[in-house]
Amino acid sequence: MHQKFAKEIARMKRIEGQARGIARMMEEERYCIDVLQQMSAMEAALRAAKSKVLAIHASHCIEDAVRGGDPDAQREKFTELIALFGKVGR
């Protein structure tokens, strides 16, 4: 079965592992700069995952509304997308 989020689920599991590793570093009282560098790497991985999920949304959900031809559904998806860009950009 094809799952639209399969790659992103794997990515999130890697990010989860990064978070556990960072917590372990903190428990071991590792050098703060090393902890911060790992946090930055995890943030970058999360931003990449967020971008990919947004692309999936655009290519599946938005495309379906456009293809469906229902102006109300199209308007709803467009409004949703604009609000999403505002949230994702934060």
PDB file of N, CA and C in Angstrom:
ATOM      1  N   MET A   1       0.836  -1.187   0.000  1.00  0.00           N
ATOM      2  CA  MET A   1       0.000   0.000   0.000  1.00  0.00           C
ATOM      3  C   MET A   1       0.879   1.248   0.000  1.00  0.00           C
ATOM      4  N   HIS A   2       0.622   2.152  -0.917  1.00  0.00           N
ATOM      5  CA  HIS A   2       1.383   3.397  -1.001  1.00  0.00           C
ATOM      6  C   HIS A   2       0.847   4.361   0.042  1.00  0.00           C
ATOM      7  N   GLN A   3       1.751   4.899   0.808  1.00  0.00           N
ATOM      8  CA  GLN A   3       1.363   5.855   1.847  1.00  0.00           C
ATOM      9  C   GLN A   3       2.020   7.186   1.527  1.00  0.00           C
ATOM     10  N   LYS A   4       1.218   8.246   1.406  1.00  0.00           N
ATOM     11  CA  LYS A   4       1.770   9.521   0.968  1.00  0.00           C
ATOM     12  C   LYS A   4       2.796  10.094   1.933  1.00  0.00           C
ATOM     13  N   PHE A   5       2.764   9.692   3.192  1.00  0.00           N
ATOM     14  CA  PHE A   5       3.709  10.222   4.169  1.00  0.00           C
ATOM     15  C   PHE A   5       4.821   9.241   4.537  1.00  0.00           C
ATOM     16  N   ALA A   6       4.988   8.160   3.797  1.00  0.00           N
ATOM     17  CA  ALA A   6       5.954   7.117   4.177  1.00  0.00           C
ATOM     18  C   ALA A   6       7.354   7.677   4.422  1.00  0.00           C
ATOM     19  N   LYS A   7       7.859   8.482   3.504  1.00  0.00           N
ATOM     20  CA  LYS A   7       9.208   9.033   3.665  1.00  0.00           C
ATOM     21  C   LYS A   7       9.271  10.007   4.833  1.00  0.00           C
ATOM     22  N   GLU A   8       8.209  10.767   5.025  1.00  0.00           N
ATOM     23  CA  GLU A   8       8.203  11.747   6.110  1.00  0.00           C
ATOM     24  C   GLU A   8       8.089  11.069   7.469  1.00  0.00           C
ATOM     25  N   ILE A   9       7.388   9.956   7.520  1.00  0.00           N
ATOM     26  CA  ILE A   9       7.322   9.186   8.775  1.00  0.00           C
ATOM     27  C   ILE A   9       8.715   8.699   9.139  1.00  0.00           C
ATOM     28  N   ALA A  10       9.441   8.186   8.155  1.00  0.00           N
ATOM     29  CA  ALA A  10      10.820   7.741   8.408  1.00  0.00           C
ATOM     30  C   ALA A  10      11.681   8.924   8.855  1.00  0.00           C
ATOM     31  N   ARG A  11      11.498  10.061   8.220  1.00  0.00           N
ATOM     32  CA  ARG A  11      12.253  11.259   8.583  1.00  0.00           C
ATOM     33  C   ARG A  11      11.933  11.681  10.020  1.00  0.00           C
ATOM     34  N   MET A  12      10.651  11.642  10.392  1.00  0.00           N
ATOM     35  CA  MET A  12      10.257  12.021  11.747  1.00  0.00           C
ATOM     36  C   MET A  12      10.833  11.059  12.783  1.00  0.00           C
ATOM     37  N   LYS A  13      10.942   9.790  12.429  1.00  0.00           N
ATOM     38  CA  LYS A  13      11.548   8.824  13.356  1.00  0.00           C
ATOM     39  C   LYS A  13      13.031   9.125  13.553  1.00  0.00           C
ATOM     40  N   ARG A  14      13.709   9.567  12.489  1.00  0.00           N
ATOM     41  CA  ARG A  14      15.115   9.971  12.636  1.00  0.00           C
ATOM     42  C   ARG A  14      15.221  11.212  13.517  1.00  0.00           C
ATOM     43  N   ILE A  15      14.297  12.153  13.330  1.00  0.00           N
ATOM     44  CA  ILE A  15      14.278  13.371  14.151  1.00  0.00           C
ATOM     45  C   ILE A  15      14.011  13.003  15.614  1.00  0.00           C
ATOM     46  N   GLU A  16      13.124  12.054  15.817  1.00  0.00           N
ATOM     47  CA  GLU A  16      12.843  11.571  17.175  1.00  0.00           C
ATOM     48  C   GLU A  16      14.124  11.014  17.807  1.00  0.00           C
ATOM     49  N   GLY A  17      14.898  10.276  17.025  1.00  0.00           N
ATOM     50  CA  GLY A  17      16.178   9.751  17.508  1.00  0.00           C
ATOM     51  C   GLY A  17      17.151  10.876  17.829  1.00  0.00           C
ATOM     52  N   GLN A  18      17.144  11.913  16.997  1.00  0.00           N
ATOM     53  CA  GLN A  18      17.996  13.072  17.272  1.00  0.00           C
ATOM     54  C   GLN A  18      17.603  13.716  18.598  1.00  0.00           C
ATOM     55  N   ALA A  19      16.305  13.849  18.848  1.00  0.00           N
ATOM     56  CA  ALA A  19      15.828  14.465  20.095  1.00  0.00           C
ATOM     57  C   ALA A  19      16.275  13.641  21.295  1.00  0.00           C
ATOM     58  N   ARG A  20      16.167  12.325  21.189  1.00  0.00           N
ATOM     59  CA  ARG A  20      16.630  11.468  22.293  1.00  0.00           C
ATOM     60  C   ARG A  20      18.135  11.624  22.499  1.00  0.00           C
ATOM     61  N   GLY A  21      18.873  11.725  21.406  1.00  0.00           N
ATOM     62  CA  GLY A  21      20.318  11.907  21.506  1.00  0.00           C
ATOM     63  C   GLY A  21      20.682  13.227  22.163  1.00  0.00           C
ATOM     64  N   ILE A  22      19.943  14.270  21.847  1.00  0.00           N
ATOM     65  CA  ILE A  22      20.193  15.578  22.453  1.00  0.00           C
ATOM     66  C   ILE A  22      19.876  15.529  23.951  1.00  0.00           C
ATOM     67  N   ALA A  23      18.769  14.891  24.310  1.00  0.00           N
ATOM     68  CA  ALA A  23      18.423  14.765  25.729  1.00  0.00           C
ATOM     69  C   ALA A  23      19.522  14.003  26.475  1.00  0.00           C
ATOM     70  N   ARG A  24      20.042  12.960  25.845  1.00  0.00           N
ATOM     71  CA  ARG A  24      21.129  12.181  26.451  1.00  0.00           C
ATOM     72  C   ARG A  24      22.378  13.052  26.629  1.00  0.00           C
ATOM     73  N   MET A  25      22.680  13.857  25.609  1.00  0.00           N
ATOM     74  CA  MET A  25      23.826  14.774  25.715  1.00  0.00           C
ATOM     75  C   MET A  25      23.643  15.725  26.902  1.00  0.00           C
ATOM     76  N   MET A  26      22.432  16.214  27.068  1.00  0.00           N
ATOM     77  CA  MET A  26      22.156  17.137  28.171  1.00  0.00           C
ATOM     78  C   MET A  26      22.282  16.422  29.515  1.00  0.00           C
ATOM     79  N   GLU A  27      21.771  15.178  29.571  1.00  0.00           N
ATOM     80  CA  GLU A  27      21.891  14.399  30.807  1.00  0.00           C
ATOM     81  C   GLU A  27      23.357  14.166  31.167  1.00  0.00           C
ATOM     82  N   GLU A  28      24.173  14.008  30.142  1.00  0.00           N
ATOM     83  CA  GLU A  28      25.612  13.786  30.348  1.00  0.00           C
ATOM     84  C   GLU A  28      26.367  15.098  30.551  1.00  0.00           C
ATOM     85  N   GLU A  29      25.616  16.212  30.541  1.00  0.00           N
ATOM     86  CA  GLU A  29      26.181  17.550  30.700  1.00  0.00           C
ATOM     87  C   GLU A  29      27.299  17.825  29.707  1.00  0.00           C
ATOM     88  N   ARG A  30      27.020  17.465  28.446  1.00  0.00           N
ATOM     89  CA  ARG A  30      27.983  17.715  27.382  1.00  0.00           C
ATOM     90  C   ARG A  30      28.117  19.207  27.133  1.00  0.00           C
ATOM     91  N   TYR A  31      29.151  19.575  26.417  1.00  0.00           N
ATOM     92  CA  TYR A  31      29.469  20.964  26.112  1.00  0.00           C
ATOM     93  C   TYR A  31      28.266  21.623  25.424  1.00  0.00           C
ATOM     94  N   CYS A  32      27.870  22.793  25.934  1.00  0.00           N
ATOM     95  CA  CYS A  32      26.662  23.481  25.449  1.00  0.00           C
ATOM     96  C   CYS A  32      26.677  23.723  23.940  1.00  0.00           C
ATOM     97  N   ILE A  33      27.831  24.091  23.407  1.00  0.00           N
ATOM     98  CA  ILE A  33      27.922  24.360  21.961  1.00  0.00           C
ATOM     99  C   ILE A  33      27.596  23.100  21.164  1.00  0.00           C
ATOM    100  N   ASP A  34      28.059  21.946  21.631  1.00  0.00           N
ATOM    101  CA  ASP A  34      27.750  20.683  20.951  1.00  0.00           C
ATOM    102  C   ASP A  34      26.247  20.402  20.993  1.00  0.00           C
ATOM    103  N   VAL A  35      25.628  20.654  22.140  1.00  0.00           N
ATOM    104  CA  VAL A  35      24.178  20.446  22.278  1.00  0.00           C
ATOM    105  C   VAL A  35      23.434  21.387  21.333  1.00  0.00           C
ATOM    106  N   LEU A  36      23.834  22.651  21.315  1.00  0.00           N
ATOM    107  CA  LEU A  36      23.182  23.635  20.445  1.00  0.00           C
ATOM    108  C   LEU A  36      23.348  23.293  18.971  1.00  0.00           C
ATOM    109  N   GLN A  37      24.511  22.784  18.596  1.00  0.00           N
ATOM    110  CA  GLN A  37      24.717  22.383  17.195  1.00  0.00           C
ATOM    111  C   GLN A  37      23.784  21.241  16.815  1.00  0.00           C
ATOM    112  N   GLN A  38      23.600  20.304  17.714  1.00  0.00           N
ATOM    113  CA  GLN A  38      22.684  19.194  17.441  1.00  0.00           C
ATOM    114  C   GLN A  38      21.238  19.674  17.375  1.00  0.00           C
ATOM    115  N   MET A  39      20.899  20.641  18.217  1.00  0.00           N
ATOM    116  CA  MET A  39      19.553  21.214  18.164  1.00  0.00           C
ATOM    117  C   MET A  39      19.320  21.912  16.827  1.00  0.00           C
ATOM    118  N   SER A  40      20.328  22.634  16.349  1.00  0.00           N
ATOM    119  CA  SER A  40      20.210  23.308  15.050  1.00  0.00           C
ATOM    120  C   SER A  40      20.030  22.295  13.928  1.00  0.00           C
ATOM    121  N   ALA A  41      20.757  21.187  13.999  1.00  0.00           N
ATOM    122  CA  ALA A  41      20.620  20.137  12.983  1.00  0.00           C
ATOM    123  C   ALA A  41      19.217  19.541  13.017  1.00  0.00           C
ATOM    124  N   MET A  42      18.682  19.345  14.218  1.00  0.00           N
ATOM    125  CA  MET A  42      17.336  18.794  14.346  1.00  0.00           C
ATOM    126  C   MET A  42      16.301  19.789  13.817  1.00  0.00           C
ATOM    127  N   GLU A  43      16.475  21.070  14.100  1.00  0.00           N
ATOM    128  CA  GLU A  43      15.559  22.091  13.578  1.00  0.00           C
ATOM    129  C   GLU A  43      15.573  22.105  12.053  1.00  0.00           C
ATOM    130  N   ALA A  44      16.753  21.976  11.461  1.00  0.00           N
ATOM    131  CA  ALA A  44      16.859  21.954   9.992  1.00  0.00           C
ATOM    132  C   ALA A  44      16.134  20.740   9.426  1.00  0.00           C
ATOM    133  N   ALA A  45      16.284  19.597  10.075  1.00  0.00           N
ATOM    134  CA  ALA A  45      15.606  18.378   9.622  1.00  0.00           C
ATOM    135  C   ALA A  45      14.090  18.535   9.736  1.00  0.00           C
ATOM    136  N   LEU A  46      13.634  19.158  10.804  1.00  0.00           N
ATOM    137  CA  LEU A  46      12.200  19.376  10.990  1.00  0.00           C
ATOM    138  C   LEU A  46      11.648  20.360   9.958  1.00  0.00           C
ATOM    139  N   ARG A  47      12.423  21.422   9.659  1.00  0.00           N
ATOM    140  CA  ARG A  47      11.991  22.368   8.612  1.00  0.00           C
ATOM    141  C   ARG A  47      11.876  21.660   7.267  1.00  0.00           C
ATOM    142  N   ALA A  48      12.825  20.783   6.957  1.00  0.00           N
ATOM    143  CA  ALA A  48      12.775  20.045   5.691  1.00  0.00           C
ATOM    144  C   ALA A  48      11.544  19.145   5.641  1.00  0.00           C
ATOM    145  N   ALA A  49      11.228  18.489   6.749  1.00  0.00           N
ATOM    146  CA  ALA A  49      10.046  17.627   6.808  1.00  0.00           C
ATOM    147  C   ALA A  49       8.773  18.458   6.642  1.00  0.00           C
ATOM    148  N   LYS A  50       8.743  19.623   7.281  1.00  0.00           N
ATOM    149  CA  LYS A  50       7.586  20.506   7.176  1.00  0.00           C
ATOM    150  C   LYS A  50       7.375  20.957   5.732  1.00  0.00           C
ATOM    151  N   SER A  51       8.452  21.295   5.068  1.00  0.00           N
ATOM    152  CA  SER A  51       8.366  21.717   3.665  1.00  0.00           C
ATOM    153  C   SER A  51       7.844  20.596   2.784  1.00  0.00           C
ATOM    154  N   LYS A  52       8.292  19.389   3.046  1.00  0.00           N
ATOM    155  CA  LYS A  52       7.860  18.252   2.240  1.00  0.00           C
ATOM    156  C   LYS A  52       6.374  17.968   2.455  1.00  0.00           C
ATOM    157  N   VAL A  53       5.917  18.030   3.702  1.00  0.00           N
ATOM    158  CA  VAL A  53       4.493  17.801   3.978  1.00  0.00           C
ATOM    159  C   VAL A  53       3.648  18.893   3.322  1.00  0.00           C
ATOM    160  N   LEU A  54       4.131  20.124   3.335  1.00  0.00           N
ATOM    161  CA  LEU A  54       3.427  21.211   2.648  1.00  0.00           C
ATOM    162  C   LEU A  54       3.346  20.932   1.146  1.00  0.00           C
ATOM    163  N   ALA A  55       4.432  20.445   0.569  1.00  0.00           N
ATOM    164  CA  ALA A  55       4.439  20.099  -0.861  1.00  0.00           C
ATOM    165  C   ALA A  55       3.460  18.966  -1.150  1.00  0.00           C
ATOM    166  N   ILE A  56       3.401  17.992  -0.254  1.00  0.00           N
ATOM    167  CA  ILE A  56       2.454  16.884  -0.422  1.00  0.00           C
ATOM    168  C   ILE A  56       1.026  17.428  -0.374  1.00  0.00           C
ATOM    169  N   HIS A  57       0.779  18.325   0.561  1.00  0.00           N
ATOM    170  CA  HIS A  57      -0.559  18.916   0.678  1.00  0.00           C
ATOM    171  C   HIS A  57      -0.926  19.641  -0.622  1.00  0.00           C
ATOM    172  N   ALA A  58       0.003  20.415  -1.122  1.00  0.00           N
ATOM    173  CA  ALA A  58      -0.265  21.162  -2.354  1.00  0.00           C
ATOM    174  C   ALA A  58      -0.503  20.216  -3.524  1.00  0.00           C
ATOM    175  N   SER A  59       0.285  19.160  -3.609  1.00  0.00           N
ATOM    176  CA  SER A  59       0.161  18.274  -4.771  1.00  0.00           C
ATOM    177  C   SER A  59      -1.018  17.313  -4.673  1.00  0.00           C
ATOM    178  N   HIS A  60      -1.519  17.051  -3.491  1.00  0.00           N
ATOM    179  CA  HIS A  60      -2.657  16.143  -3.350  1.00  0.00           C
ATOM    180  C   HIS A  60      -3.949  16.900  -3.089  1.00  0.00           C
ATOM    181  N   CYS A  61      -4.032  17.514  -1.944  1.00  0.00           N
ATOM    182  CA  CYS A  61      -5.286  18.142  -1.503  1.00  0.00           C
ATOM    183  C   CYS A  61      -5.680  19.325  -2.376  1.00  0.00           C
ATOM    184  N   ILE A  62      -4.753  20.209  -2.634  1.00  0.00           N
ATOM    185  CA  ILE A  62      -5.049  21.399  -3.435  1.00  0.00           C
ATOM    186  C   ILE A  62      -5.354  20.994  -4.870  1.00  0.00           C
ATOM    187  N   GLU A  63      -4.529  20.122  -5.405  1.00  0.00           N
ATOM    188  CA  GLU A  63      -4.727  19.669  -6.791  1.00  0.00           C
ATOM    189  C   GLU A  63      -6.091  19.010  -6.965  1.00  0.00           C
ATOM    190  N   ASP A  64      -6.524  18.225  -5.977  1.00  0.00           N
ATOM    191  CA  ASP A  64      -7.836  17.578  -6.048  1.00  0.00           C
ATOM    192  C   ASP A  64      -8.960  18.617  -6.114  1.00  0.00           C
ATOM    193  N   ALA A  65      -8.822  19.675  -5.311  1.00  0.00           N
ATOM    194  CA  ALA A  65      -9.852  20.725  -5.313  1.00  0.00           C
ATOM    195  C   ALA A  65      -9.885  21.450  -6.651  1.00  0.00           C
ATOM    196  N   VAL A  66      -8.714  21.707  -7.217  1.00  0.00           N
ATOM    197  CA  VAL A  66      -8.659  22.387  -8.514  1.00  0.00           C
ATOM    198  C   VAL A  66      -9.265  21.504  -9.591  1.00  0.00           C
ATOM    199  N   ARG A  67      -8.894  20.237  -9.590  1.00  0.00           N
ATOM    200  CA  ARG A  67      -9.415  19.307 -10.593  1.00  0.00           C
ATOM    201  C   ARG A  67     -10.913  19.095 -10.453  1.00  0.00           C
ATOM    202  N   GLY A  68     -11.411  19.147  -9.203  1.00  0.00           N
ATOM    203  CA  GLY A  68     -12.830  18.895  -8.954  1.00  0.00           C
ATOM    204  C   GLY A  68     -13.737  19.961  -9.542  1.00  0.00           C
ATOM    205  N   GLY A  69     -13.214  21.172  -9.719  1.00  0.00           N
ATOM    206  CA  GLY A  69     -13.989  22.229 -10.352  1.00  0.00           C
ATOM    207  C   GLY A  69     -15.006  22.919  -9.458  1.00  0.00           C
ATOM    208  N   ASP A  70     -15.068  22.556  -8.181  1.00  0.00           N
ATOM    209  CA  ASP A  70     -16.017  23.192  -7.266  1.00  0.00           C
ATOM    210  C   ASP A  70     -15.400  24.482  -6.729  1.00  0.00           C
ATOM    211  N   PRO A  71     -15.951  25.644  -7.111  1.00  0.00           N
ATOM    212  CA  PRO A  71     -15.372  26.918  -6.681  1.00  0.00           C
ATOM    213  C   PRO A  71     -15.307  27.079  -5.161  1.00  0.00           C
ATOM    214  N   ASP A  72     -16.304  26.566  -4.444  1.00  0.00           N
ATOM    215  CA  ASP A  72     -16.295  26.669  -2.978  1.00  0.00           C
ATOM    216  C   ASP A  72     -15.147  25.851  -2.388  1.00  0.00           C
ATOM    217  N   ALA A  73     -14.935  24.643  -2.884  1.00  0.00           N
ATOM    218  CA  ALA A  73     -13.837  23.797  -2.413  1.00  0.00           C
ATOM    219  C   ALA A  73     -12.494  24.440  -2.765  1.00  0.00           C
ATOM    220  N   GLN A  74     -12.403  25.016  -3.946  1.00  0.00           N
ATOM    221  CA  GLN A  74     -11.166  25.683  -4.360  1.00  0.00           C
ATOM    222  C   GLN A  74     -10.862  26.874  -3.462  1.00  0.00           C
ATOM    223  N   ARG A  75     -11.880  27.668  -3.177  1.00  0.00           N
ATOM    224  CA  ARG A  75     -11.718  28.846  -2.310  1.00  0.00           C
ATOM    225  C   ARG A  75     -11.297  28.397  -0.910  1.00  0.00           C
ATOM    226  N   GLU A  76     -11.937  27.347  -0.417  1.00  0.00           N
ATOM    227  CA  GLU A  76     -11.620  26.828   0.923  1.00  0.00           C
ATOM    228  C   GLU A  76     -10.159  26.369   0.987  1.00  0.00           C
ATOM    229  N   LYS A  77      -9.719  25.628  -0.011  1.00  0.00           N
ATOM    230  CA  LYS A  77      -8.337  25.135  -0.021  1.00  0.00           C
ATOM    231  C   LYS A  77      -7.344  26.279  -0.180  1.00  0.00           C
ATOM    232  N   PHE A  78      -7.679  27.264  -0.982  1.00  0.00           N
ATOM    233  CA  PHE A  78      -6.803  28.418  -1.166  1.00  0.00           C
ATOM    234  C   PHE A  78      -6.656  29.186   0.153  1.00  0.00           C
ATOM    235  N   THR A  79      -7.773  29.433   0.826  1.00  0.00           N
ATOM    236  CA  THR A  79      -7.755  30.131   2.117  1.00  0.00           C
ATOM    237  C   THR A  79      -6.951  29.336   3.141  1.00  0.00           C
ATOM    238  N   GLU A  80      -7.164  28.035   3.147  1.00  0.00           N
ATOM    239  CA  GLU A  80      -6.421  27.151   4.047  1.00  0.00           C
ATOM    240  C   GLU A  80      -4.917  27.228   3.773  1.00  0.00           C
ATOM    241  N   LEU A  81      -4.553  27.246   2.505  1.00  0.00           N
ATOM    242  CA  LEU A  81      -3.146  27.297   2.118  1.00  0.00           C
ATOM    243  C   LEU A  81      -2.501  28.611   2.549  1.00  0.00           C
ATOM    244  N   ILE A  82      -3.208  29.719   2.370  1.00  0.00           N
ATOM    245  CA  ILE A  82      -2.686  31.024   2.788  1.00  0.00           C
ATOM    246  C   ILE A  82      -2.451  31.034   4.300  1.00  0.00           C
ATOM    247  N   ALA A  83      -3.405  30.542   5.071  1.00  0.00           N
ATOM    248  CA  ALA A  83      -3.263  30.474   6.536  1.00  0.00           C
ATOM    249  C   ALA A  83      -2.100  29.567   6.914  1.00  0.00           C
ATOM    250  N   LEU A  84      -1.952  28.482   6.183  1.00  0.00           N
ATOM    251  CA  LEU A  84      -0.871  27.535   6.453  1.00  0.00           C
ATOM    252  C   LEU A  84       0.489  28.158   6.217  1.00  0.00           C
ATOM    253  N   PHE A  85       0.634  28.916   5.141  1.00  0.00           N
ATOM    254  CA  PHE A  85       1.904  29.595   4.872  1.00  0.00           C
ATOM    255  C   PHE A  85       2.254  30.538   6.021  1.00  0.00           C
ATOM    256  N   GLY A  86       1.253  31.201   6.574  1.00  0.00           N
ATOM    257  CA  GLY A  86       1.503  32.080   7.708  1.00  0.00           C
ATOM    258  C   GLY A  86       2.006  31.332   8.923  1.00  0.00           C
ATOM    259  N   LYS A  87       1.464  30.155   9.172  1.00  0.00           N
ATOM    260  CA  LYS A  87       1.872  29.346  10.327  1.00  0.00           C
ATOM    261  C   LYS A  87       3.221  28.676  10.092  1.00  0.00           C
ATOM    262  N   VAL A  88       3.432  28.141   8.903  1.00  0.00           N
ATOM    263  CA  VAL A  88       4.670  27.423   8.589  1.00  0.00           C
ATOM    264  C   VAL A  88       5.850  28.369   8.594  1.00  0.00           C
ATOM    265  N   GLY A  89       5.610  29.621   8.188  1.00  0.00           N
ATOM    266  CA  GLY A  89       6.689  30.591   8.115  1.00  0.00           C
ATOM    267  C   GLY A  89       7.217  31.049   9.463  1.00  0.00           C
ATOM    268  N   ARG A  90       6.519  30.733  10.516  1.00  0.00           N
ATOM    269  CA  ARG A  90       6.949  31.175  11.849  1.00  0.00           C
ATOM    270  C   ARG A  90       8.075  30.361  12.385  1.00  0.00           C
TER     271      ARG A  90
END
